[in-house]
Amino acid sequence: MSASVSSNTSFNSRRSAGNSRSDGRSNYRSDRTNSLDEFHGIKFVFGRPDQVPIYLQSMKKLGDYAGTKMNNNMYKLVKKKVETTFPKPKAPGKDPAKHVVDEYRELMKRKLDKEDKYNEDKAKLFRIIMTQCSPEMKDKLEAQSTELEKLEDDNDVIRLLDMIKELVYNAGGVRNKFVIMQSLNRTLYGRGNTQRPNESLNEYGKRFLQQVEVVEAVWGKLVPPCHESDNAKDKESARNQYLASLFLGGTDQAR
């Protein structure tokens, strides 16, 4: 009986040792699996016909990750492209009391601690984005080596995302708004974005509007280029007509 217990104990010890390291970290496979699961769906690719819809979905998932796994400051950085600032506390007046000086020093310390944490989070987010870039996308970014080096020094997440967006939408290096609109059309018309066989019109409508929300969150309102100089009311009308035509084009015409 004791021999059996000893044997089982020895086996469990070896199994435990195989799943951990002497430095307390889990094994590589486990770490890699967790990392892949954590960033699943976030990828920035270049040189593929579906790079626009992949980019849009990745931006949505990156925003979700920043908001749930990091903090609201990182969420605003991704979704709204807004940097968070930490204003200085009001300096004490002339000949302040000791408790006023102490309070000021404490508030300054908190401000500096918040800035340090913010910069650490930005550095982490910057590395996550770079890690999730395909080799082709990295090659394109690194071709602009001087600018990329500056971005890395500053952990400039906003400018990095702008560069990626520019590459995705202007793959040929030529800014053509009609080509961009065509890419967006393909995104909204793409596989899975048309009405499914057993899907009601109402269900399809909800799904279509969710996809529109994803696209507009990144690219702005989908106003046809020929209406860009219109007033706000006419732009909204043109957008609605444009979306209505896309929606109708995706419905099951056989029903």
C-alpha atoms as a PDB file:
ATOM      1  CA  MET A   1       0.000   0.000   0.000  1.00  0.00           C
ATOM      2  CA  SER A   2       2.779   2.408   0.961  1.00  0.00           C
ATOM      3  CA  ALA A   3       4.647   1.549  -2.237  1.00  0.00           C
ATOM      4  CA  SER A   4       1.543   2.443  -4.290  1.00  0.00           C
ATOM      5  CA  VAL A   5       1.151   5.784  -2.496  1.00  0.00           C
ATOM      6  CA  SER A   6       4.828   6.517  -2.991  1.00  0.00           C
ATOM      7  CA  SER A   7       4.589   5.680  -6.690  1.00  0.00           C
ATOM      8  CA  ASN A   8       1.552   7.929  -7.208  1.00  0.00           C
ATOM      9  CA  THR A   9       3.196  10.754  -5.287  1.00  0.00           C
ATOM     10  CA  SER A  10       6.320  10.436  -7.379  1.00  0.00           C
ATOM     11  CA  PHE A  11       4.292  10.475 -10.626  1.00  0.00           C
ATOM     12  CA  ASN A  12       2.297  13.557  -9.560  1.00  0.00           C
ATOM     13  CA  SER A  13       5.491  15.355  -8.581  1.00  0.00           C
ATOM     14  CA  ARG A  14       7.030  14.672 -11.968  1.00  0.00           C
ATOM     15  CA  ARG A  15       3.832  15.777 -13.737  1.00  0.00           C
ATOM     16  CA  SER A  16       3.751  18.966 -11.689  1.00  0.00           C
ATOM     17  CA  ALA A  17       7.385  19.629 -12.466  1.00  0.00           C
ATOM     18  CA  GLY A  18       6.678  19.174 -16.160  1.00  0.00           C
ATOM     19  CA  ASN A  19       4.017  21.898 -16.064  1.00  0.00           C
ATOM     20  CA  SER A  20       6.136  24.486 -14.269  1.00  0.00           C
ATOM     21  CA  ARG A  21       9.604  25.939 -14.240  1.00  0.00           C
ATOM     22  CA  SER A  22      12.112  26.395 -11.482  1.00  0.00           C
ATOM     23  CA  ASP A  23      11.674  30.179 -11.761  1.00  0.00           C
ATOM     24  CA  GLY A  24       7.950  29.886 -11.008  1.00  0.00           C
ATOM     25  CA  ARG A  25       6.698  30.595 -14.524  1.00  0.00           C
ATOM     26  CA  SER A  26       4.419  28.261 -16.404  1.00  0.00           C
ATOM     27  CA  ASN A  27       5.792  26.352 -19.367  1.00  0.00           C
ATOM     28  CA  TYR A  28       6.129  27.985 -22.806  1.00  0.00           C
ATOM     29  CA  ARG A  29       3.250  26.141 -24.444  1.00  0.00           C
ATOM     30  CA  SER A  30       0.820  27.201 -21.726  1.00  0.00           C
ATOM     31  CA  ASP A  31       2.008  30.817 -21.883  1.00  0.00           C
ATOM     32  CA  ARG A  32       1.760  30.868 -25.676  1.00  0.00           C
ATOM     33  CA  THR A  33      -1.742  29.357 -25.655  1.00  0.00           C
ATOM     34  CA  ASN A  34      -2.966  31.923 -23.141  1.00  0.00           C
ATOM     35  CA  SER A  35      -1.419  34.735 -25.191  1.00  0.00           C
ATOM     36  CA  LEU A  36      -3.060  33.547 -28.407  1.00  0.00           C
ATOM     37  CA  ASP A  37      -6.429  33.225 -26.662  1.00  0.00           C
ATOM     38  CA  GLU A  38      -6.072  36.684 -25.123  1.00  0.00           C
ATOM     39  CA  PHE A  39      -5.453  38.432 -28.440  1.00  0.00           C
ATOM     40  CA  HIS A  40      -7.570  36.138 -30.620  1.00  0.00           C
ATOM     41  CA  GLY A  41      -9.072  38.073 -33.514  1.00  0.00           C
ATOM     42  CA  ILE A  42      -6.685  41.040 -33.257  1.00  0.00           C
ATOM     43  CA  LYS A  43      -4.483  41.063 -36.353  1.00  0.00           C
ATOM     44  CA  PHE A  44      -3.325  43.722 -38.762  1.00  0.00           C
ATOM     45  CA  VAL A  45      -2.549  42.331 -42.200  1.00  0.00           C
ATOM     46  CA  PHE A  46      -1.317  43.744 -45.494  1.00  0.00           C
ATOM     47  CA  GLY A  47      -1.438  42.403 -49.037  1.00  0.00           C
ATOM     48  CA  ARG A  48      -4.729  40.520 -48.694  1.00  0.00           C
ATOM     49  CA  PRO A  49      -8.055  41.256 -50.400  1.00  0.00           C
ATOM     50  CA  ASP A  50      -9.840  41.053 -47.040  1.00  0.00           C
ATOM     51  CA  GLN A  51      -7.445  43.352 -45.150  1.00  0.00           C
ATOM     52  CA  VAL A  52     -10.099  46.068 -44.682  1.00  0.00           C
ATOM     53  CA  PRO A  53     -12.727  43.928 -42.882  1.00  0.00           C
ATOM     54  CA  ILE A  54      -9.960  42.226 -40.875  1.00  0.00           C
ATOM     55  CA  TYR A  55      -8.701  45.648 -39.812  1.00  0.00           C
ATOM     56  CA  LEU A  56     -12.164  46.847 -38.791  1.00  0.00           C
ATOM     57  CA  GLN A  57     -12.886  43.763 -36.692  1.00  0.00           C
ATOM     58  CA  SER A  58      -9.416  43.917 -35.146  1.00  0.00           C
ATOM     59  CA  MET A  59      -9.903  47.542 -34.109  1.00  0.00           C
ATOM     60  CA  LYS A  60     -13.163  46.623 -32.402  1.00  0.00           C
ATOM     61  CA  LYS A  61     -11.528  43.729 -30.553  1.00  0.00           C
ATOM     62  CA  LEU A  62      -8.498  45.855 -29.633  1.00  0.00           C
ATOM     63  CA  GLY A  63     -10.817  48.468 -28.126  1.00  0.00           C
ATOM     64  CA  ASP A  64     -12.667  45.761 -26.197  1.00  0.00           C
ATOM     65  CA  TYR A  65      -9.365  44.356 -24.921  1.00  0.00           C
ATOM     66  CA  ALA A  66      -8.061  47.788 -23.876  1.00  0.00           C
ATOM     67  CA  GLY A  67     -11.298  48.550 -22.027  1.00  0.00           C
ATOM     68  CA  THR A  68     -11.714  45.218 -20.233  1.00  0.00           C
ATOM     69  CA  LYS A  69      -8.135  44.041 -19.670  1.00  0.00           C
ATOM     70  CA  MET A  70      -6.399  47.392 -19.212  1.00  0.00           C
ATOM     71  CA  ASN A  71      -8.286  50.574 -18.272  1.00  0.00           C
ATOM     72  CA  ASN A  72     -10.507  53.359 -19.555  1.00  0.00           C
ATOM     73  CA  ASN A  73      -7.536  55.532 -20.520  1.00  0.00           C
ATOM     74  CA  MET A  74      -6.298  52.860 -22.939  1.00  0.00           C
ATOM     75  CA  TYR A  75      -9.838  52.355 -24.251  1.00  0.00           C
ATOM     76  CA  LYS A  76     -10.068  56.072 -25.103  1.00  0.00           C
ATOM     77  CA  LEU A  77      -6.654  55.886 -26.745  1.00  0.00           C
ATOM     78  CA  VAL A  78      -7.853  53.155 -29.128  1.00  0.00           C
ATOM     79  CA  LYS A  79     -11.509  54.044 -29.688  1.00  0.00           C
ATOM     80  CA  LYS A  80     -11.415  57.844 -29.568  1.00  0.00           C
ATOM     81  CA  LYS A  81      -7.695  58.418 -30.213  1.00  0.00           C
ATOM     82  CA  VAL A  82      -7.541  60.772 -27.254  1.00  0.00           C
ATOM     83  CA  GLU A  83      -4.542  61.093 -24.937  1.00  0.00           C
ATOM     84  CA  THR A  84      -5.274  61.393 -21.228  1.00  0.00           C
ATOM     85  CA  THR A  85      -3.627  64.286 -19.393  1.00  0.00           C
ATOM     86  CA  PHE A  86      -2.999  64.654 -15.685  1.00  0.00           C
ATOM     87  CA  PRO A  87      -3.100  68.334 -14.664  1.00  0.00           C
ATOM     88  CA  LYS A  88      -0.876  69.656 -11.912  1.00  0.00           C
ATOM     89  CA  PRO A  89      -2.515  70.402  -8.576  1.00  0.00           C
ATOM     90  CA  LYS A  90      -2.844  74.040  -7.651  1.00  0.00           C
ATOM     91  CA  ALA A  91       0.379  75.291  -6.076  1.00  0.00           C
ATOM     92  CA  PRO A  92       0.228  76.614  -2.513  1.00  0.00           C
ATOM     93  CA  GLY A  93       0.121  80.358  -2.069  1.00  0.00           C
ATOM     94  CA  LYS A  94       2.705  82.514  -0.333  1.00  0.00           C
ATOM     95  CA  ASP A  95       3.825  81.291   3.101  1.00  0.00           C
ATOM     96  CA  PRO A  96       1.498  78.258   3.162  1.00  0.00           C
ATOM     97  CA  ALA A  97       0.845  76.208   6.272  1.00  0.00           C
ATOM     98  CA  LYS A  98       2.715  72.907   6.615  1.00  0.00           C
ATOM     99  CA  HIS A  99      -0.398  70.788   6.044  1.00  0.00           C
ATOM    100  CA  VAL A 100      -1.076  72.681   2.789  1.00  0.00           C
ATOM    101  CA  VAL A 101       2.452  71.948   1.545  1.00  0.00           C
ATOM    102  CA  ASP A 102       2.138  68.302   2.577  1.00  0.00           C
ATOM    103  CA  GLU A 103      -1.157  67.979   0.728  1.00  0.00           C
ATOM    104  CA  TYR A 104       0.353  69.575  -2.388  1.00  0.00           C
ATOM    105  CA  ARG A 105       3.294  67.173  -2.327  1.00  0.00           C
ATOM    106  CA  GLU A 106       0.949  64.208  -1.980  1.00  0.00           C
ATOM    107  CA  LEU A 107      -1.167  65.373  -4.905  1.00  0.00           C
ATOM    108  CA  MET A 108       1.965  65.875  -7.031  1.00  0.00           C
ATOM    109  CA  LYS A 109       3.137  62.372  -6.144  1.00  0.00           C
ATOM    110  CA  ARG A 110      -0.228  60.928  -7.214  1.00  0.00           C
ATOM    111  CA  LYS A 111      -0.052  62.847 -10.491  1.00  0.00           C
ATOM    112  CA  LEU A 112       3.427  61.515 -11.257  1.00  0.00           C
ATOM    113  CA  ASP A 113       2.398  57.971 -10.304  1.00  0.00           C
ATOM    114  CA  LYS A 114      -0.597  58.190 -12.656  1.00  0.00           C
ATOM    115  CA  GLU A 115       1.629  59.443 -15.473  1.00  0.00           C
ATOM    116  CA  ASP A 116       4.096  56.597 -14.911  1.00  0.00           C
ATOM    117  CA  LYS A 117       1.285  54.029 -14.977  1.00  0.00           C
ATOM    118  CA  TYR A 118      -0.205  55.622 -18.087  1.00  0.00           C
ATOM    119  CA  ASN A 119       3.122  55.528 -19.929  1.00  0.00           C
ATOM    120  CA  GLU A 120       3.691  51.899 -18.909  1.00  0.00           C
ATOM    121  CA  ASP A 121       0.251  50.964 -20.232  1.00  0.00           C
ATOM    122  CA  LYS A 122       0.910  52.815 -23.499  1.00  0.00           C
ATOM    123  CA  ALA A 123       4.176  50.930 -23.944  1.00  0.00           C
ATOM    124  CA  LYS A 124       2.394  47.628 -23.368  1.00  0.00           C
ATOM    125  CA  LEU A 125      -0.408  48.503 -25.809  1.00  0.00           C
ATOM    126  CA  PHE A 126       2.118  49.629 -28.432  1.00  0.00           C
ATOM    127  CA  ARG A 127       3.931  46.276 -28.220  1.00  0.00           C
ATOM    128  CA  ILE A 128       0.642  44.350 -28.413  1.00  0.00           C
ATOM    129  CA  ILE A 129      -0.282  46.138 -31.646  1.00  0.00           C
ATOM    130  CA  MET A 130       3.142  45.549 -33.185  1.00  0.00           C
ATOM    131  CA  THR A 131       3.068  41.881 -32.154  1.00  0.00           C
ATOM    132  CA  GLN A 132      -0.296  41.393 -33.851  1.00  0.00           C
ATOM    133  CA  CYS A 133       0.929  42.796 -37.177  1.00  0.00           C
ATOM    134  CA  SER A 134       1.556  40.305 -39.972  1.00  0.00           C
ATOM    135  CA  PRO A 135       5.122  40.071 -41.366  1.00  0.00           C
ATOM    136  CA  GLU A 136       3.978  41.982 -44.466  1.00  0.00           C
ATOM    137  CA  MET A 137       2.483  44.777 -42.349  1.00  0.00           C
ATOM    138  CA  LYS A 138       5.648  44.972 -40.237  1.00  0.00           C
ATOM    139  CA  ASP A 139       7.747  45.240 -43.393  1.00  0.00           C
ATOM    140  CA  LYS A 140       5.630  48.189 -44.552  1.00  0.00           C
ATOM    141  CA  LEU A 141       5.882  49.909 -41.164  1.00  0.00           C
ATOM    142  CA  GLU A 142       9.617  49.304 -40.895  1.00  0.00           C
ATOM    143  CA  ALA A 143      10.104  50.745 -44.393  1.00  0.00           C
ATOM    144  CA  GLN A 144       9.341  54.065 -42.682  1.00  0.00           C
ATOM    145  CA  SER A 145      12.111  53.352 -40.190  1.00  0.00           C
ATOM    146  CA  THR A 146      12.803  56.907 -39.024  1.00  0.00           C
ATOM    147  CA  GLU A 147       9.169  57.589 -38.174  1.00  0.00           C
ATOM    148  CA  LEU A 148       8.655  54.152 -36.639  1.00  0.00           C
ATOM    149  CA  GLU A 149      11.687  54.582 -34.387  1.00  0.00           C
ATOM    150  CA  LYS A 150      10.275  57.853 -33.091  1.00  0.00           C
ATOM    151  CA  LEU A 151       6.903  56.215 -32.478  1.00  0.00           C
ATOM    152  CA  GLU A 152       8.601  53.426 -30.535  1.00  0.00           C
ATOM    153  CA  ASP A 153      10.564  55.936 -28.450  1.00  0.00           C
ATOM    154  CA  ASP A 154       7.344  57.788 -27.593  1.00  0.00           C
ATOM    155  CA  ASN A 155       5.076  54.705 -27.535  1.00  0.00           C
ATOM    156  CA  ASP A 156       2.795  56.741 -29.792  1.00  0.00           C
ATOM    157  CA  VAL A 157      -0.183  54.380 -30.079  1.00  0.00           C
ATOM    158  CA  ILE A 158      -2.391  56.876 -31.936  1.00  0.00           C
ATOM    159  CA  ARG A 159       0.118  57.551 -34.703  1.00  0.00           C
ATOM    160  CA  LEU A 160       0.913  53.827 -35.028  1.00  0.00           C
ATOM    161  CA  LEU A 161      -2.784  53.041 -35.546  1.00  0.00           C
ATOM    162  CA  ASP A 162      -3.006  55.895 -38.056  1.00  0.00           C
ATOM    163  CA  MET A 163      -0.080  54.447 -40.021  1.00  0.00           C
ATOM    164  CA  ILE A 164      -1.670  50.998 -40.050  1.00  0.00           C
ATOM    165  CA  LYS A 165      -5.006  52.445 -41.166  1.00  0.00           C
ATOM    166  CA  GLU A 166      -3.290  54.403 -43.938  1.00  0.00           C
ATOM    167  CA  LEU A 167      -1.571  51.252 -45.215  1.00  0.00           C
ATOM    168  CA  VAL A 168      -4.764  49.189 -45.079  1.00  0.00           C
ATOM    169  CA  TYR A 169      -6.903  51.700 -46.974  1.00  0.00           C
ATOM    170  CA  ASN A 170      -4.267  53.032 -49.356  1.00  0.00           C
ATOM    171  CA  ALA A 171      -2.434  49.833 -50.217  1.00  0.00           C
ATOM    172  CA  GLY A 172      -1.196  51.199 -53.526  1.00  0.00           C
ATOM    173  CA  GLY A 173      -0.015  54.465 -52.030  1.00  0.00           C
ATOM    174  CA  VAL A 174      -2.678  56.418 -53.918  1.00  0.00           C
ATOM    175  CA  ARG A 175      -5.425  58.166 -51.986  1.00  0.00           C
ATOM    176  CA  ASN A 176      -8.641  57.507 -53.884  1.00  0.00           C
ATOM    177  CA  LYS A 177     -11.830  58.050 -51.941  1.00  0.00           C
ATOM    178  CA  PHE A 178     -13.932  56.085 -54.391  1.00  0.00           C
ATOM    179  CA  VAL A 179     -11.609  53.089 -54.003  1.00  0.00           C
ATOM    180  CA  ILE A 180     -11.957  53.401 -50.237  1.00  0.00           C
ATOM    181  CA  MET A 181     -15.736  53.467 -50.518  1.00  0.00           C
ATOM    182  CA  GLN A 182     -15.545  50.382 -52.705  1.00  0.00           C
ATOM    183  CA  SER A 183     -13.548  48.632 -49.985  1.00  0.00           C
ATOM    184  CA  LEU A 184     -16.174  49.596 -47.442  1.00  0.00           C
ATOM    185  CA  ASN A 185     -18.881  48.291 -49.789  1.00  0.00           C
ATOM    186  CA  ARG A 186     -17.104  44.942 -49.881  1.00  0.00           C
ATOM    187  CA  THR A 187     -16.891  44.969 -46.096  1.00  0.00           C
ATOM    188  CA  LEU A 188     -20.646  45.478 -45.738  1.00  0.00           C
ATOM    189  CA  TYR A 189     -21.472  43.140 -48.624  1.00  0.00           C
ATOM    190  CA  GLY A 190     -18.871  40.554 -47.626  1.00  0.00           C
ATOM    191  CA  ARG A 191     -19.469  36.926 -46.860  1.00  0.00           C
ATOM    192  CA  GLY A 192     -21.700  36.646 -43.792  1.00  0.00           C
ATOM    193  CA  ASN A 193     -23.030  40.195 -44.199  1.00  0.00           C
ATOM    194  CA  THR A 194     -25.853  39.282 -46.564  1.00  0.00           C
ATOM    195  CA  GLN A 195     -29.176  37.902 -45.388  1.00  0.00           C
ATOM    196  CA  ARG A 196     -28.866  34.264 -44.365  1.00  0.00           C
ATOM    197  CA  PRO A 197     -31.270  31.528 -45.535  1.00  0.00           C
ATOM    198  CA  ASN A 198     -33.225  31.276 -42.276  1.00  0.00           C
ATOM    199  CA  GLU A 199     -32.727  34.858 -41.105  1.00  0.00           C
ATOM    200  CA  SER A 200     -35.649  37.261 -40.868  1.00  0.00           C
ATOM    201  CA  LEU A 201     -35.419  40.708 -42.414  1.00  0.00           C
ATOM    202  CA  ASN A 202     -35.480  42.253 -38.942  1.00  0.00           C
ATOM    203  CA  GLU A 203     -32.611  40.062 -37.704  1.00  0.00           C
ATOM    204  CA  TYR A 204     -30.574  40.826 -40.804  1.00  0.00           C
ATOM    205  CA  GLY A 205     -31.247  44.543 -40.331  1.00  0.00           C
ATOM    206  CA  LYS A 206     -29.900  44.460 -36.773  1.00  0.00           C
ATOM    207  CA  ARG A 207     -26.779  42.596 -37.867  1.00  0.00           C
ATOM    208  CA  PHE A 208     -26.224  44.991 -40.776  1.00  0.00           C
ATOM    209  CA  LEU A 209     -26.455  48.033 -38.482  1.00  0.00           C
ATOM    210  CA  GLN A 210     -23.954  46.435 -36.083  1.00  0.00           C
ATOM    211  CA  GLN A 211     -21.505  46.084 -38.969  1.00  0.00           C
ATOM    212  CA  VAL A 212     -22.131  49.712 -40.007  1.00  0.00           C
ATOM    213  CA  GLU A 213     -21.369  50.779 -36.439  1.00  0.00           C
ATOM    214  CA  VAL A 214     -18.044  48.929 -36.540  1.00  0.00           C
ATOM    215  CA  VAL A 215     -17.078  50.536 -39.850  1.00  0.00           C
ATOM    216  CA  GLU A 216     -18.108  54.076 -38.852  1.00  0.00           C
ATOM    217  CA  ALA A 217     -16.365  53.804 -35.476  1.00  0.00           C
ATOM    218  CA  VAL A 218     -13.085  53.605 -37.392  1.00  0.00           C
ATOM    219  CA  TRP A 219     -13.723  55.487 -40.630  1.00  0.00           C
ATOM    220  CA  GLY A 220     -16.346  58.030 -39.670  1.00  0.00           C
ATOM    221  CA  LYS A 221     -19.783  58.551 -41.221  1.00  0.00           C
ATOM    222  CA  LEU A 222     -20.233  56.731 -44.538  1.00  0.00           C
ATOM    223  CA  VAL A 223     -21.019  59.734 -46.699  1.00  0.00           C
ATOM    224  CA  PRO A 224     -20.455  59.222 -50.459  1.00  0.00           C
ATOM    225  CA  PRO A 225     -17.493  61.365 -51.636  1.00  0.00           C
ATOM    226  CA  CYS A 226     -19.666  63.353 -54.042  1.00  0.00           C
ATOM    227  CA  HIS A 227     -21.617  64.724 -51.043  1.00  0.00           C
ATOM    228  CA  GLU A 228     -18.651  65.733 -48.886  1.00  0.00           C
ATOM    229  CA  SER A 229     -19.181  69.447 -49.497  1.00  0.00           C
ATOM    230  CA  ASP A 230     -22.901  69.295 -48.650  1.00  0.00           C
ATOM    231  CA  ASN A 231     -24.368  70.724 -45.459  1.00  0.00           C
ATOM    232  CA  ALA A 232     -24.861  68.454 -42.446  1.00  0.00           C
ATOM    233  CA  LYS A 233     -28.519  67.689 -43.223  1.00  0.00           C
ATOM    234  CA  ASP A 234     -27.814  66.714 -46.844  1.00  0.00           C
ATOM    235  CA  LYS A 235     -24.811  64.616 -45.778  1.00  0.00           C
ATOM    236  CA  GLU A 236     -26.988  62.682 -43.359  1.00  0.00           C
ATOM    237  CA  SER A 237     -29.612  62.157 -46.055  1.00  0.00           C
ATOM    238  CA  ALA A 238     -26.974  60.933 -48.531  1.00  0.00           C
ATOM    239  CA  ARG A 239     -25.541  58.571 -45.902  1.00  0.00           C
ATOM    240  CA  ASN A 240     -28.959  57.099 -45.150  1.00  0.00           C
ATOM    241  CA  GLN A 241     -29.721  56.561 -48.846  1.00  0.00           C
ATOM    242  CA  TYR A 242     -26.327  54.960 -49.362  1.00  0.00           C
ATOM    243  CA  LEU A 243     -26.813  52.580 -46.420  1.00  0.00           C
ATOM    244  CA  ALA A 244     -30.348  51.765 -47.571  1.00  0.00           C
ATOM    245  CA  SER A 245     -29.013  50.733 -50.992  1.00  0.00           C
ATOM    246  CA  LEU A 246     -26.338  48.541 -49.365  1.00  0.00           C
ATOM    247  CA  PHE A 247     -28.925  46.966 -47.080  1.00  0.00           C
ATOM    248  CA  LEU A 248     -31.322  46.190 -49.904  1.00  0.00           C
ATOM    249  CA  GLY A 249     -28.472  44.778 -51.967  1.00  0.00           C
ATOM    250  CA  GLY A 250     -27.738  42.296 -49.217  1.00  0.00           C
ATOM    251  CA  THR A 251     -31.284  40.999 -48.787  1.00  0.00           C
ATOM    252  CA  ASP A 252     -32.387  37.639 -50.122  1.00  0.00           C
ATOM    253  CA  GLN A 253     -34.112  38.685 -53.353  1.00  0.00           C
ATOM    254  CA  ALA A 254     -35.612  35.213 -53.875  1.00  0.00           C
ATOM    255  CA  ARG A 255     -37.975  35.540 -50.920  1.00  0.00           C
END
